[in-house]
PDB file of N, CA and C in Angstrom:
ATOM      1  N   MET A   1      93.742 135.092 132.416  1.00  0.00           N
ATOM      2  CA  MET A   1      93.241 136.622 132.237  1.00  0.00           C
ATOM      3  C   MET A   1      91.920 137.096 132.106  1.00  0.00           C
ATOM      4  N   THR A   2      91.500 137.364 133.322  1.00  0.00           N
ATOM      5  CA  THR A   2      90.030 137.999 133.429  1.00  0.00           C
ATOM      6  C   THR A   2      89.966 139.305 132.582  1.00  0.00           C
ATOM      7  N   GLN A   3      88.890 139.670 131.914  1.00  0.00           N
ATOM      8  CA  GLN A   3      88.353 140.289 131.282  1.00  0.00           C
ATOM      9  C   GLN A   3      87.459 141.032 131.504  1.00  0.00           C
ATOM     10  N   LEU A   4      87.866 142.661 131.804  1.00  0.00           N
ATOM     11  CA  LEU A   4      86.793 143.544 132.951  1.00  0.00           C
ATOM     12  C   LEU A   4      85.977 144.685 131.520  1.00  0.00           C
ATOM     13  N   LYS A   5      85.170 145.322 131.638  1.00  0.00           N
ATOM     14  CA  LYS A   5      84.645 146.059 130.887  1.00  0.00           C
ATOM     15  C   LYS A   5      84.586 147.193 131.877  1.00  0.00           C
ATOM     16  N   LEU A   6      84.954 148.185 130.681  1.00  0.00           N
ATOM     17  CA  LEU A   6      84.770 149.610 131.675  1.00  0.00           C
ATOM     18  C   LEU A   6      83.340 149.848 131.069  1.00  0.00           C
ATOM     19  N   VAL A   7      82.469 150.400 132.476  1.00  0.00           N
ATOM     20  CA  VAL A   7      81.231 151.102 131.982  1.00  0.00           C
ATOM     21  C   VAL A   7      80.699 152.126 132.078  1.00  0.00           C
ATOM     22  N   ALA A   8      81.503 152.820 132.979  1.00  0.00           N
ATOM     23  CA  ALA A   8      81.489 154.523 133.327  1.00  0.00           C
ATOM     24  C   ALA A   8      82.663 155.289 134.206  1.00  0.00           C
ATOM     25  N   LEU A   9      83.030 156.440 133.718  1.00  0.00           N
ATOM     26  CA  LEU A   9      84.234 157.401 134.244  1.00  0.00           C
ATOM     27  C   LEU A   9      83.628 158.752 134.472  1.00  0.00           C
ATOM     28  N   LYS A  10      84.178 159.046 136.206  1.00  0.00           N
ATOM     29  CA  LYS A  10      83.676 160.218 136.141  1.00  0.00           C
ATOM     30  C   LYS A  10      84.907 160.932 137.026  1.00  0.00           C
ATOM     31  N   LYS A  11      84.491 161.771 136.857  1.00  0.00           N
ATOM     32  CA  LYS A  11      85.882 162.891 137.425  1.00  0.00           C
ATOM     33  C   LYS A  11      85.192 163.599 138.752  1.00  0.00           C
ATOM     34  N   LEU A  12      86.352 163.473 139.223  1.00  0.00           N
ATOM     35  CA  LEU A  12      85.833 163.730 140.729  1.00  0.00           C
ATOM     36  C   LEU A  12      86.271 164.812 141.369  1.00  0.00           C
ATOM     37  N   LEU A  13      87.654 165.324 140.592  1.00  0.00           N
ATOM     38  CA  LEU A  13      88.062 166.607 141.311  1.00  0.00           C
ATOM     39  C   LEU A  13      89.200 166.967 139.907  1.00  0.00           C
ATOM     40  N   ALA A  14      88.940 168.176 139.391  1.00  0.00           N
ATOM     41  CA  ALA A  14      89.882 168.898 139.060  1.00  0.00           C
ATOM     42  C   ALA A  14      91.237 169.602 139.746  1.00  0.00           C
ATOM     43  N   ASP A  15      92.274 169.832 139.386  1.00  0.00           N
ATOM     44  CA  ASP A  15      93.178 170.764 140.130  1.00  0.00           C
ATOM     45  C   ASP A  15      94.230 171.020 138.443  1.00  0.00           C
ATOM     46  N   ARG A  16      94.778 171.709 139.221  1.00  0.00           N
ATOM     47  CA  ARG A  16      95.534 172.566 137.961  1.00  0.00           C
ATOM     48  C   ARG A  16      96.954 171.700 137.316  1.00  0.00           C
ATOM     49  N   TRP A  17      97.013 170.522 138.552  1.00  0.00           N
ATOM     50  CA  TRP A  17      98.387 169.642 137.556  1.00  0.00           C
ATOM     51  C   TRP A  17      97.617 167.857 137.370  1.00  0.00           C
ATOM     52  N   LEU A  18      96.965 167.516 138.337  1.00  0.00           N
ATOM     53  CA  LEU A  18      95.817 166.638 138.394  1.00  0.00           C
ATOM     54  C   LEU A  18      94.636 166.447 138.380  1.00  0.00           C
ATOM     55  N   ASN A  19      94.215 165.318 137.839  1.00  0.00           N
ATOM     56  CA  ASN A  19      92.795 164.998 137.857  1.00  0.00           C
ATOM     57  C   ASN A  19      92.044 164.149 138.520  1.00  0.00           C
ATOM     58  N   TYR A  20      91.162 163.918 139.018  1.00  0.00           N
ATOM     59  CA  TYR A  20      91.032 162.211 140.367  1.00  0.00           C
ATOM     60  C   TYR A  20      89.669 161.639 139.461  1.00  0.00           C
ATOM     61  N   TYR A  21      90.036 160.858 139.020  1.00  0.00           N
ATOM     62  CA  TYR A  21      89.000 159.806 138.289  1.00  0.00           C
ATOM     63  C   TYR A  21      87.947 159.035 139.159  1.00  0.00           C
ATOM     64  N   GLU A  22      87.168 158.199 138.957  1.00  0.00           N
ATOM     65  CA  GLU A  22      86.315 156.492 139.446  1.00  0.00           C
ATOM     66  C   GLU A  22      86.108 156.304 137.986  1.00  0.00           C
ATOM     67  N   ALA A  23      86.706 155.007 137.659  1.00  0.00           N
ATOM     68  CA  ALA A  23      86.123 154.280 136.840  1.00  0.00           C
ATOM     69  C   ALA A  23      85.864 153.247 137.395  1.00  0.00           C
ATOM     70  N   THR A  24      84.472 152.352 136.551  1.00  0.00           N
ATOM     71  CA  THR A  24      83.860 151.440 137.203  1.00  0.00           C
ATOM     72  C   THR A  24      83.827 150.738 136.095  1.00  0.00           C
ATOM     73  N   TYR A  25      84.498 149.425 136.139  1.00  0.00           N
ATOM     74  CA  TYR A  25      84.272 148.377 135.715  1.00  0.00           C
ATOM     75  C   TYR A  25      83.157 147.345 136.138  1.00  0.00           C
ATOM     76  N   GLN A  26      83.361 146.431 135.012  1.00  0.00           N
ATOM     77  CA  GLN A  26      82.232 145.252 135.511  1.00  0.00           C
ATOM     78  C   GLN A  26      83.342 143.815 134.922  1.00  0.00           C
ATOM     79  N   ASN A  27      83.180 142.789 136.129  1.00  0.00           N
ATOM     80  CA  ASN A  27      83.691 141.444 135.649  1.00  0.00           C
ATOM     81  C   ASN A  27      83.079 140.586 135.099  1.00  0.00           C
ATOM     82  N   PRO A  28      83.550 139.463 134.678  1.00  0.00           N
ATOM     83  CA  PRO A  28      82.143 138.176 134.017  1.00  0.00           C
ATOM     84  C   PRO A  28      81.387 137.804 134.922  1.00  0.00           C
ATOM     85  N   LYS A  29      81.368 138.277 136.187  1.00  0.00           N
ATOM     86  CA  LYS A  29      80.178 137.538 136.903  1.00  0.00           C
ATOM     87  C   LYS A  29      79.377 138.783 136.992  1.00  0.00           C
ATOM     88  N   GLN A  30      79.221 140.310 136.355  1.00  0.00           N
ATOM     89  CA  GLN A  30      78.246 141.228 136.630  1.00  0.00           C
ATOM     90  C   GLN A  30      78.382 142.090 137.531  1.00  0.00           C
ATOM     91  N   GLU A  31      79.834 141.599 138.078  1.00  0.00           N
ATOM     92  CA  GLU A  31      79.510 142.572 139.559  1.00  0.00           C
ATOM     93  C   GLU A  31      80.637 143.734 139.396  1.00  0.00           C
ATOM     94  N   GLU A  32      80.029 145.235 139.682  1.00  0.00           N
ATOM     95  CA  GLU A  32      80.931 146.239 139.818  1.00  0.00           C
ATOM     96  C   GLU A  32      82.042 146.233 140.121  1.00  0.00           C
ATOM     97  N   ILE A  33      83.338 146.953 139.890  1.00  0.00           N
ATOM     98  CA  ILE A  33      84.697 147.160 140.780  1.00  0.00           C
ATOM     99  C   ILE A  33      84.652 148.538 140.412  1.00  0.00           C
ATOM    100  N   ASN A  34      84.859 149.568 141.237  1.00  0.00           N
ATOM    101  CA  ASN A  34      85.595 150.529 140.998  1.00  0.00           C
ATOM    102  C   ASN A  34      86.901 150.732 141.711  1.00  0.00           C
ATOM    103  N   TYR A  35      87.473 151.762 140.786  1.00  0.00           N
ATOM    104  CA  TYR A  35      89.239 151.886 140.514  1.00  0.00           C
ATOM    105  C   TYR A  35      89.357 153.353 140.610  1.00  0.00           C
ATOM    106  N   HIS A  36      89.818 153.769 141.414  1.00  0.00           N
ATOM    107  CA  HIS A  36      90.589 155.528 141.594  1.00  0.00           C
ATOM    108  C   HIS A  36      91.667 155.647 141.023  1.00  0.00           C
ATOM    109  N   PHE A  37      91.837 156.485 140.453  1.00  0.00           N
ATOM    110  CA  PHE A  37      93.260 157.030 140.091  1.00  0.00           C
ATOM    111  C   PHE A  37      93.055 158.089 139.737  1.00  0.00           C
ATOM    112  N   VAL A  38      94.477 158.465 139.014  1.00  0.00           N
ATOM    113  CA  VAL A  38      94.575 160.049 139.114  1.00  0.00           C
ATOM    114  C   VAL A  38      95.591 160.743 137.382  1.00  0.00           C
ATOM    115  N   SER A  39      94.985 161.604 137.375  1.00  0.00           N
ATOM    116  CA  SER A  39      95.851 161.449 135.480  1.00  0.00           C
ATOM    117  C   SER A  39      96.194 162.762 135.531  1.00  0.00           C
ATOM    118  N   ARG A  40      96.841 163.213 134.795  1.00  0.00           N
ATOM    119  CA  ARG A  40      97.316 164.748 134.232  1.00  0.00           C
ATOM    120  C   ARG A  40      96.304 164.921 132.900  1.00  0.00           C
ATOM    121  N   GLU A  41      96.059 164.099 132.199  1.00  0.00           N
ATOM    122  CA  GLU A  41      95.099 164.228 131.200  1.00  0.00           C
ATOM    123  C   GLU A  41      93.320 164.817 131.792  1.00  0.00           C
ATOM    124  N   ALA A  42      93.321 165.997 131.165  1.00  0.00           N
ATOM    125  CA  ALA A  42      91.919 166.543 131.686  1.00  0.00           C
ATOM    126  C   ALA A  42      90.729 166.133 130.893  1.00  0.00           C
ATOM    127  N   ASN A  43      91.184 165.331 130.202  1.00  0.00           N
ATOM    128  CA  ASN A  43      89.719 164.866 129.262  1.00  0.00           C
ATOM    129  C   ASN A  43      89.107 164.011 128.879  1.00  0.00           C
ATOM    130  N   LEU A  44      90.257 162.755 129.820  1.00  0.00           N
ATOM    131  CA  LEU A  44      89.598 161.422 129.763  1.00  0.00           C
ATOM    132  C   LEU A  44      87.916 161.100 129.500  1.00  0.00           C
ATOM    133  N   THR A  45      87.476 160.513 129.009  1.00  0.00           N
ATOM    134  CA  THR A  45      86.150 159.618 128.483  1.00  0.00           C
ATOM    135  C   THR A  45      86.881 158.209 128.364  1.00  0.00           C
ATOM    136  N   THR A  46      85.374 157.406 128.686  1.00  0.00           N
ATOM    137  CA  THR A  46      84.931 155.871 128.468  1.00  0.00           C
ATOM    138  C   THR A  46      85.716 155.522 127.044  1.00  0.00           C
ATOM    139  N   ASP A  47      85.931 156.239 126.017  1.00  0.00           N
ATOM    140  CA  ASP A  47      86.487 156.204 124.909  1.00  0.00           C
ATOM    141  C   ASP A  47      88.032 155.795 124.509  1.00  0.00           C
ATOM    142  N   ASN A  48      88.870 156.912 125.113  1.00  0.00           N
ATOM    143  CA  ASN A  48      89.880 157.267 124.910  1.00  0.00           C
ATOM    144  C   ASN A  48      90.720 156.284 125.920  1.00  0.00           C
ATOM    145  N   LEU A  49      90.019 156.365 126.829  1.00  0.00           N
ATOM    146  CA  LEU A  49      90.502 155.342 128.845  1.00  0.00           C
ATOM    147  C   LEU A  49      90.291 153.394 127.652  1.00  0.00           C
ATOM    148  N   LYS A  50      89.669 153.252 127.205  1.00  0.00           N
ATOM    149  CA  LYS A  50      89.944 151.893 126.256  1.00  0.00           C
ATOM    150  C   LYS A  50      90.977 150.973 125.569  1.00  0.00           C
ATOM    151  N   HIS A  51      91.864 152.286 124.746  1.00  0.00           N
ATOM    152  CA  HIS A  51      92.796 152.239 124.475  1.00  0.00           C
ATOM    153  C   HIS A  51      94.333 152.252 124.940  1.00  0.00           C
ATOM    154  N   PRO A  52      95.301 151.425 124.675  1.00  0.00           N
ATOM    155  CA  PRO A  52      96.684 151.634 124.846  1.00  0.00           C
ATOM    156  C   PRO A  52      96.729 152.835 125.300  1.00  0.00           C
ATOM    157  N   VAL A  53      97.636 153.310 126.615  1.00  0.00           N
ATOM    158  CA  VAL A  53      98.113 154.825 126.183  1.00  0.00           C
ATOM    159  C   VAL A  53      99.606 154.537 126.956  1.00  0.00           C
ATOM    160  N   THR A  54     100.511 155.988 126.754  1.00  0.00           N
ATOM    161  CA  THR A  54     102.124 155.436 126.776  1.00  0.00           C
ATOM    162  C   THR A  54     102.263 156.297 128.626  1.00  0.00           C
ATOM    163  N   ALA A  55     102.271 155.760 129.449  1.00  0.00           N
ATOM    164  CA  ALA A  55     102.256 156.380 130.689  1.00  0.00           C
ATOM    165  C   ALA A  55     103.637 157.109 130.906  1.00  0.00           C
ATOM    166  N   SER A  56     103.753 158.444 131.151  1.00  0.00           N
ATOM    167  CA  SER A  56     104.453 159.290 131.688  1.00  0.00           C
ATOM    168  C   SER A  56     105.112 159.721 133.179  1.00  0.00           C
ATOM    169  N   ALA A  57     104.038 158.389 133.980  1.00  0.00           N
ATOM    170  CA  ALA A  57     105.194 158.425 135.352  1.00  0.00           C
ATOM    171  C   ALA A  57     103.795 157.411 136.115  1.00  0.00           C
ATOM    172  N   VAL A  58     104.296 156.839 137.142  1.00  0.00           N
ATOM    173  CA  VAL A  58     103.573 155.721 138.222  1.00  0.00           C
ATOM    174  C   VAL A  58     103.809 155.720 139.258  1.00  0.00           C
ATOM    175  N   THR A  59     102.390 156.169 139.833  1.00  0.00           N
ATOM    176  CA  THR A  59     103.036 156.488 141.270  1.00  0.00           C
ATOM    177  C   THR A  59     102.027 155.513 142.007  1.00  0.00           C
ATOM    178  N   MET A  60     101.785 154.614 143.228  1.00  0.00           N
ATOM    179  CA  MET A  60     101.147 154.511 143.978  1.00  0.00           C
ATOM    180  C   MET A  60     101.120 154.632 145.746  1.00  0.00           C
ATOM    181  N   PHE A  61     100.139 154.832 146.153  1.00  0.00           N
ATOM    182  CA  PHE A  61      99.575 155.232 147.253  1.00  0.00           C
ATOM    183  C   PHE A  61      98.824 153.961 147.903  1.00  0.00           C
ATOM    184  N   CYS A  62      99.585 153.833 149.222  1.00  0.00           N
ATOM    185  CA  CYS A  62      98.803 152.936 150.294  1.00  0.00           C
ATOM    186  C   CYS A  62      98.408 153.842 151.097  1.00  0.00           C
ATOM    187  N   LEU A  63      96.971 152.872 151.232  1.00  0.00           N
ATOM    188  CA  LEU A  63      95.908 153.720 152.359  1.00  0.00           C
ATOM    189  C   LEU A  63      95.752 152.220 152.951  1.00  0.00           C
ATOM    190  N   SER A  64      95.609 152.730 154.803  1.00  0.00           N
ATOM    191  CA  SER A  64      95.413 152.084 155.418  1.00  0.00           C
ATOM    192  C   SER A  64      94.193 152.393 156.331  1.00  0.00           C
ATOM    193  N   TYR A  65      93.097 151.167 156.830  1.00  0.00           N
ATOM    194  CA  TYR A  65      91.848 151.646 156.729  1.00  0.00           C
ATOM    195  C   TYR A  65      91.322 150.776 158.549  1.00  0.00           C
TER     196      TYR A  65
END
């Protein structure tokens, strides 16, 4: 399994119930990959995102371009 390194986390939008984040990861080839997600947690940081968490819900969004 390919190991990705979390290098940055940016909160893009804060709402009453959900917070929208962009996480930037780096693969072994030093390429950056951006991952967008929402969380009920308002205070995510790169440190606490590296540790396993218990999910309270799972949702998938499909986008067509």
